[in-house]
């Protein structure tokens, strides 16, 4: 599934695919050169068999008050005017991404390919 500013009507479907899926905050990656953010997730805490990529990411900020490591996704929201994407968890966490106008959100099946993406820096 692919979401851009031109097909925001698909956002509820995208959230249906993400809601209550689990991810490990330590496995978030951001490739600053490619402007790409990646979140690996799955139905179970220990089995992450899908991943989300967001291209056109200029920077991001994580607010993680609970510090538990593994979280379930509540929703992904997009604010086109502010050029922000916000991913929130049922267990309190928020990931706020600053994006370019031509951002793209894609959900992939399977494990992500090996790449030069570095682990997040805090």
N, C-alpha and C. Protein backbone atom coordinates (compact mmCIF):
# COMPACT_ATOMS: atom_id res chain seq x y z
N UNK A 1 0.84 -1.17 0.00
CA UNK A 1 0.00 0.00 0.00
C UNK A 1 0.89 1.23 0.00
N UNK A 2 0.47 2.24 -0.76
CA UNK A 2 1.24 3.48 -0.89
C UNK A 2 0.32 4.68 -0.66
N UNK A 3 0.76 5.61 0.20
CA UNK A 3 -0.03 6.80 0.51
C UNK A 3 0.81 8.05 0.23
N UNK A 4 0.21 9.00 -0.48
CA UNK A 4 0.84 10.30 -0.75
C UNK A 4 -0.20 11.38 -0.47
N UNK A 5 0.18 12.63 -0.64
CA UNK A 5 -0.78 13.72 -0.42
C UNK A 5 -1.94 13.65 -1.42
N UNK A 6 -1.75 12.95 -2.53
CA UNK A 6 -2.77 12.87 -3.57
C UNK A 6 -3.83 11.80 -3.31
N UNK A 7 -3.58 10.88 -2.38
CA UNK A 7 -4.57 9.83 -2.10
C UNK A 7 -4.80 9.66 -0.59
N UNK A 8 -4.96 10.77 0.08
CA UNK A 8 -5.17 10.75 1.54
C UNK A 8 -6.44 10.01 1.93
N UNK A 9 -7.32 9.77 1.00
CA UNK A 9 -8.53 9.00 1.29
C UNK A 9 -8.19 7.56 1.71
N UNK A 10 -6.96 7.12 1.46
CA UNK A 10 -6.53 5.77 1.85
C UNK A 10 -5.98 5.71 3.28
N UNK A 11 -5.91 6.86 3.96
CA UNK A 11 -5.35 6.89 5.32
C UNK A 11 -6.09 5.96 6.28
N UNK A 12 -7.43 5.89 6.28
CA UNK A 12 -8.10 4.94 7.19
C UNK A 12 -7.71 3.48 6.90
N UNK A 13 -7.54 3.14 5.64
CA UNK A 13 -7.12 1.78 5.28
C UNK A 13 -5.70 1.51 5.78
N UNK A 14 -4.82 2.48 5.63
CA UNK A 14 -3.45 2.35 6.13
C UNK A 14 -3.45 2.15 7.64
N UNK A 15 -4.26 2.95 8.34
CA UNK A 15 -4.34 2.80 9.80
C UNK A 15 -4.92 1.45 10.19
N UNK A 16 -5.81 0.91 9.39
CA UNK A 16 -6.33 -0.44 9.65
C UNK A 16 -5.24 -1.49 9.59
N UNK A 17 -4.27 -1.29 8.71
CA UNK A 17 -3.14 -2.22 8.59
C UNK A 17 -2.11 -2.05 9.71
N UNK A 18 -2.04 -0.85 10.28
CA UNK A 18 -1.02 -0.56 11.30
C UNK A 18 -1.51 -0.73 12.73
N UNK A 19 -2.79 -0.48 12.97
CA UNK A 19 -3.33 -0.45 14.34
C UNK A 19 -3.08 -1.77 15.07
N UNK A 20 -2.58 -1.65 16.29
CA UNK A 20 -2.29 -2.78 17.18
C UNK A 20 -1.16 -3.69 16.69
N UNK A 21 -0.35 -3.20 15.75
CA UNK A 21 0.85 -3.95 15.34
C UNK A 21 2.00 -3.49 16.24
N UNK A 22 2.96 -4.37 16.47
CA UNK A 22 4.05 -4.13 17.42
C UNK A 22 5.33 -3.73 16.71
N UNK A 23 6.11 -2.87 17.36
CA UNK A 23 7.42 -2.49 16.83
C UNK A 23 8.38 -2.25 18.00
N UNK A 24 9.66 -2.39 17.70
CA UNK A 24 10.72 -2.16 18.68
C UNK A 24 11.34 -0.80 18.36
N UNK A 25 11.27 0.12 19.30
CA UNK A 25 11.76 1.48 19.07
C UNK A 25 13.26 1.48 18.73
N UNK A 26 14.00 0.49 19.21
CA UNK A 26 15.43 0.41 18.91
C UNK A 26 15.72 0.02 17.47
N UNK A 27 14.71 -0.46 16.76
CA UNK A 27 14.91 -0.86 15.36
C UNK A 27 14.43 0.19 14.36
N UNK A 28 14.05 1.38 14.84
CA UNK A 28 13.70 2.46 13.93
C UNK A 28 14.96 2.92 13.22
N UNK A 29 14.85 3.21 11.94
CA UNK A 29 16.02 3.69 11.20
C UNK A 29 15.68 4.94 10.41
N UNK A 30 16.67 5.78 10.23
CA UNK A 30 16.51 6.99 9.44
C UNK A 30 17.77 7.18 8.60
N UNK A 31 17.59 7.24 7.30
CA UNK A 31 18.68 7.49 6.37
C UNK A 31 18.56 8.95 5.96
N UNK A 32 19.38 9.80 6.54
CA UNK A 32 19.29 11.23 6.30
C UNK A 32 19.58 11.58 4.84
N UNK A 33 20.55 10.88 4.23
CA UNK A 33 20.91 11.14 2.84
C UNK A 33 19.75 10.83 1.89
N UNK A 34 19.09 9.71 2.12
CA UNK A 34 17.96 9.30 1.27
C UNK A 34 16.63 9.89 1.75
N UNK A 35 16.66 10.57 2.91
CA UNK A 35 15.45 11.13 3.52
C UNK A 35 14.39 10.06 3.70
N UNK A 36 14.81 8.92 4.28
CA UNK A 36 13.90 7.79 4.43
C UNK A 36 13.91 7.28 5.87
N UNK A 37 12.70 7.11 6.41
CA UNK A 37 12.48 6.59 7.77
C UNK A 37 11.87 5.21 7.63
N UNK A 38 12.29 4.28 8.49
CA UNK A 38 11.77 2.91 8.41
C UNK A 38 11.36 2.42 9.79
N UNK A 39 10.20 1.76 9.84
CA UNK A 39 9.68 1.16 11.06
C UNK A 39 9.28 -0.28 10.72
N UNK A 40 9.91 -1.24 11.40
CA UNK A 40 9.61 -2.66 11.20
C UNK A 40 8.56 -3.06 12.23
N UNK A 41 7.51 -3.78 11.79
CA UNK A 41 6.42 -4.10 12.71
C UNK A 41 5.83 -5.48 12.40
N UNK A 42 4.97 -5.95 13.32
CA UNK A 42 4.29 -7.22 13.11
C UNK A 42 3.14 -7.41 14.08
N UNK A 43 2.41 -8.50 13.89
CA UNK A 43 1.24 -8.79 14.73
C UNK A 43 1.62 -9.17 16.15
N UNK A 44 2.83 -9.69 16.33
CA UNK A 44 3.27 -10.18 17.63
C UNK A 44 4.50 -9.39 18.09
N UNK A 45 4.71 -9.36 19.37
CA UNK A 45 5.84 -8.61 19.92
C UNK A 45 7.18 -9.11 19.38
N UNK A 46 7.30 -10.40 19.16
CA UNK A 46 8.58 -10.96 18.76
C UNK A 46 8.69 -11.22 17.26
N UNK A 47 7.61 -11.15 16.52
CA UNK A 47 7.64 -11.45 15.09
C UNK A 47 7.27 -10.20 14.30
N UNK A 48 8.26 -9.59 13.69
CA UNK A 48 8.04 -8.39 12.90
C UNK A 48 8.27 -8.74 11.43
N UNK A 49 7.19 -8.90 10.69
CA UNK A 49 7.28 -9.41 9.32
C UNK A 49 6.79 -8.42 8.26
N UNK A 50 6.67 -7.16 8.64
CA UNK A 50 6.31 -6.11 7.70
C UNK A 50 7.12 -4.86 8.06
N UNK A 51 7.18 -3.93 7.12
CA UNK A 51 7.84 -2.67 7.46
C UNK A 51 7.20 -1.52 6.70
N UNK A 52 7.32 -0.37 7.32
CA UNK A 52 6.77 0.88 6.81
C UNK A 52 7.95 1.76 6.43
N UNK A 53 7.92 2.31 5.22
CA UNK A 53 8.92 3.31 4.87
C UNK A 53 8.20 4.62 4.60
N UNK A 54 8.83 5.70 5.02
CA UNK A 54 8.32 7.03 4.73
C UNK A 54 9.47 7.78 4.06
N UNK A 55 9.25 8.15 2.81
CA UNK A 55 10.28 8.91 2.10
C UNK A 55 9.92 10.39 2.13
N UNK A 56 10.93 11.22 1.95
CA UNK A 56 10.73 12.66 2.05
C UNK A 56 10.79 13.16 3.48
N UNK A 57 11.47 12.40 4.35
CA UNK A 57 11.57 12.78 5.76
C UNK A 57 12.80 13.67 5.96
N UNK A 58 12.55 14.85 6.52
CA UNK A 58 13.61 15.82 6.73
C UNK A 58 14.21 15.73 8.13
N UNK A 59 13.46 15.18 9.06
CA UNK A 59 13.91 15.00 10.43
C UNK A 59 12.80 14.38 11.24
N UNK A 60 13.11 13.96 12.46
CA UNK A 60 12.09 13.35 13.31
C UNK A 60 12.44 13.53 14.78
N UNK A 61 11.42 13.34 15.60
CA UNK A 61 11.58 13.47 17.05
C UNK A 61 10.75 12.37 17.72
N UNK A 62 11.33 11.69 18.68
CA UNK A 62 10.62 10.65 19.42
C UNK A 62 10.37 11.14 20.85
N UNK A 63 9.15 11.02 21.31
CA UNK A 63 8.80 11.29 22.70
C UNK A 63 8.40 9.96 23.31
N UNK A 64 9.25 9.43 24.18
CA UNK A 64 9.09 8.08 24.71
C UNK A 64 9.14 8.14 26.24
N UNK A 65 8.00 8.45 26.85
CA UNK A 65 7.95 8.62 28.30
C UNK A 65 8.04 7.30 29.06
N UNK A 66 7.60 6.22 28.44
CA UNK A 66 7.53 4.94 29.14
C UNK A 66 8.83 4.14 29.11
N UNK A 67 9.62 4.30 28.06
CA UNK A 67 10.91 3.61 27.94
C UNK A 67 10.80 2.09 28.06
N UNK A 68 9.76 1.50 27.44
CA UNK A 68 9.60 0.05 27.54
C UNK A 68 10.19 -0.69 26.34
N UNK A 69 10.49 0.02 25.25
CA UNK A 69 11.17 -0.59 24.12
C UNK A 69 10.26 -1.10 23.02
N UNK A 70 9.26 -1.90 23.39
CA UNK A 70 8.36 -2.48 22.38
C UNK A 70 6.97 -1.88 22.57
N UNK A 71 6.42 -1.38 21.47
CA UNK A 71 5.15 -0.63 21.51
C UNK A 71 4.19 -1.16 20.45
N UNK A 72 2.90 -0.91 20.68
CA UNK A 72 1.91 -1.21 19.65
C UNK A 72 1.42 0.11 19.06
N UNK A 73 1.18 0.11 17.76
CA UNK A 73 0.81 1.32 17.05
C UNK A 73 -0.67 1.61 17.27
N UNK A 74 -0.96 2.84 17.62
CA UNK A 74 -2.35 3.29 17.72
C UNK A 74 -2.80 3.86 16.38
N UNK A 75 -2.08 4.88 15.89
CA UNK A 75 -2.45 5.43 14.58
C UNK A 75 -1.32 6.25 13.99
N UNK A 76 -1.45 6.46 12.70
CA UNK A 76 -0.58 7.35 11.96
C UNK A 76 -1.45 8.48 11.44
N UNK A 77 -1.07 9.72 11.72
CA UNK A 77 -1.84 10.87 11.22
C UNK A 77 -0.93 11.75 10.39
N UNK A 78 -1.56 12.48 9.46
CA UNK A 78 -0.82 13.34 8.54
C UNK A 78 -1.42 14.74 8.61
N UNK A 79 -0.57 15.73 8.81
CA UNK A 79 -0.99 17.13 8.77
C UNK A 79 -0.31 17.75 7.55
N UNK A 80 -1.07 17.87 6.45
CA UNK A 80 -0.50 18.37 5.21
C UNK A 80 -0.05 19.83 5.32
N UNK A 81 -0.80 20.64 6.03
CA UNK A 81 -0.44 22.06 6.16
C UNK A 81 0.88 22.26 6.87
N UNK A 82 1.09 21.51 7.94
CA UNK A 82 2.33 21.63 8.73
C UNK A 82 3.44 20.71 8.21
N UNK A 83 3.10 19.84 7.25
CA UNK A 83 4.03 18.84 6.71
C UNK A 83 4.61 17.97 7.82
N UNK A 84 3.69 17.40 8.60
CA UNK A 84 4.05 16.54 9.73
C UNK A 84 3.32 15.21 9.62
N UNK A 85 4.00 14.16 9.99
CA UNK A 85 3.40 12.84 10.16
C UNK A 85 3.64 12.47 11.61
N UNK A 86 2.59 11.97 12.27
CA UNK A 86 2.69 11.60 13.67
C UNK A 86 2.26 10.14 13.82
N UNK A 87 3.14 9.34 14.40
CA UNK A 87 2.82 7.95 14.72
C UNK A 87 2.71 7.87 16.23
N UNK A 88 1.56 7.40 16.72
CA UNK A 88 1.36 7.28 18.16
C UNK A 88 1.12 5.83 18.53
N UNK A 89 1.44 5.51 19.79
CA UNK A 89 1.26 4.16 20.28
C UNK A 89 0.18 4.07 21.33
N UNK A 90 -0.36 2.87 21.51
CA UNK A 90 -1.32 2.64 22.60
C UNK A 90 -0.61 2.79 23.94
N UNK A 91 0.59 2.22 24.05
CA UNK A 91 1.48 2.53 25.16
C UNK A 91 2.08 3.86 24.76
N UNK A 92 2.07 4.87 25.64
CA UNK A 92 2.46 6.22 25.22
C UNK A 92 3.84 6.32 24.57
N UNK A 93 3.81 6.67 23.29
CA UNK A 93 5.00 7.03 22.51
C UNK A 93 4.50 7.85 21.33
N UNK A 94 5.30 8.81 20.91
CA UNK A 94 4.96 9.53 19.68
C UNK A 94 6.23 9.72 18.86
N UNK A 95 6.07 9.55 17.57
CA UNK A 95 7.15 9.76 16.62
C UNK A 95 6.65 10.82 15.64
N UNK A 96 7.25 11.99 15.71
CA UNK A 96 6.83 13.10 14.85
C UNK A 96 7.87 13.29 13.77
N UNK A 97 7.41 13.22 12.51
CA UNK A 97 8.31 13.35 11.37
C UNK A 97 8.01 14.62 10.60
N UNK A 98 9.05 15.37 10.28
CA UNK A 98 8.94 16.52 9.39
C UNK A 98 9.17 16.00 7.98
N UNK A 99 8.23 16.27 7.09
CA UNK A 99 8.31 15.70 5.75
C UNK A 99 8.24 16.79 4.67
N UNK A 100 8.75 16.45 3.51
CA UNK A 100 8.64 17.34 2.36
C UNK A 100 7.24 17.20 1.76
N UNK A 101 6.93 18.08 0.86
CA UNK A 101 5.60 18.08 0.24
C UNK A 101 5.33 16.79 -0.55
N UNK A 102 6.39 16.18 -1.07
CA UNK A 102 6.21 14.97 -1.89
C UNK A 102 6.53 13.69 -1.11
N UNK A 103 6.18 13.67 0.19
CA UNK A 103 6.40 12.48 1.01
C UNK A 103 5.63 11.29 0.43
N UNK A 104 6.07 10.11 0.82
CA UNK A 104 5.38 8.88 0.42
C UNK A 104 5.48 7.87 1.55
N UNK A 105 4.36 7.25 1.90
CA UNK A 105 4.31 6.23 2.94
C UNK A 105 3.99 4.91 2.26
N UNK A 106 4.79 3.89 2.52
CA UNK A 106 4.60 2.59 1.88
C UNK A 106 4.70 1.49 2.93
N UNK A 107 3.77 0.52 2.86
CA UNK A 107 3.84 -0.67 3.70
C UNK A 107 4.32 -1.83 2.83
N UNK A 108 5.31 -2.56 3.34
CA UNK A 108 5.91 -3.69 2.63
C UNK A 108 5.74 -4.96 3.46
N UNK A 109 5.62 -6.09 2.78
CA UNK A 109 5.61 -7.39 3.46
C UNK A 109 7.03 -7.93 3.50
N UNK A 110 7.29 -8.76 4.51
CA UNK A 110 8.60 -9.39 4.63
C UNK A 110 9.58 -8.50 5.37
N UNK A 111 10.81 -8.96 5.40
CA UNK A 111 11.88 -8.22 6.06
C UNK A 111 12.46 -7.18 5.11
N UNK A 112 12.88 -6.05 5.64
CA UNK A 112 13.49 -5.05 4.76
C UNK A 112 14.82 -5.53 4.22
N UNK A 113 15.18 -5.07 3.03
CA UNK A 113 16.49 -5.44 2.49
C UNK A 113 17.61 -4.82 3.30
N UNK A 114 18.75 -5.45 3.30
CA UNK A 114 19.92 -4.87 3.97
C UNK A 114 20.26 -3.57 3.26
N UNK A 115 20.57 -2.55 4.01
CA UNK A 115 20.89 -1.26 3.40
C UNK A 115 21.89 -0.53 4.26
N UNK A 116 22.17 0.68 3.85
CA UNK A 116 23.12 1.51 4.59
C UNK A 116 22.42 2.35 5.65
N UNK A 117 21.13 2.08 5.88
CA UNK A 117 20.41 2.87 6.86
C UNK A 117 21.00 2.68 8.25
N UNK A 118 21.22 3.78 8.94
CA UNK A 118 21.79 3.73 10.28
C UNK A 118 20.68 3.70 11.32
N UNK A 119 21.00 3.13 12.47
CA UNK A 119 20.04 3.16 13.57
C UNK A 119 19.84 4.60 14.02
N UNK A 120 18.69 4.83 14.62
CA UNK A 120 18.34 6.19 15.05
C UNK A 120 19.33 6.73 16.05
N UNK A 121 19.46 8.02 16.06
CA UNK A 121 20.31 8.69 17.04
C UNK A 121 19.43 9.51 17.94
N UNK A 122 19.66 9.45 19.23
CA UNK A 122 18.88 10.26 20.17
C UNK A 122 19.79 11.22 20.86
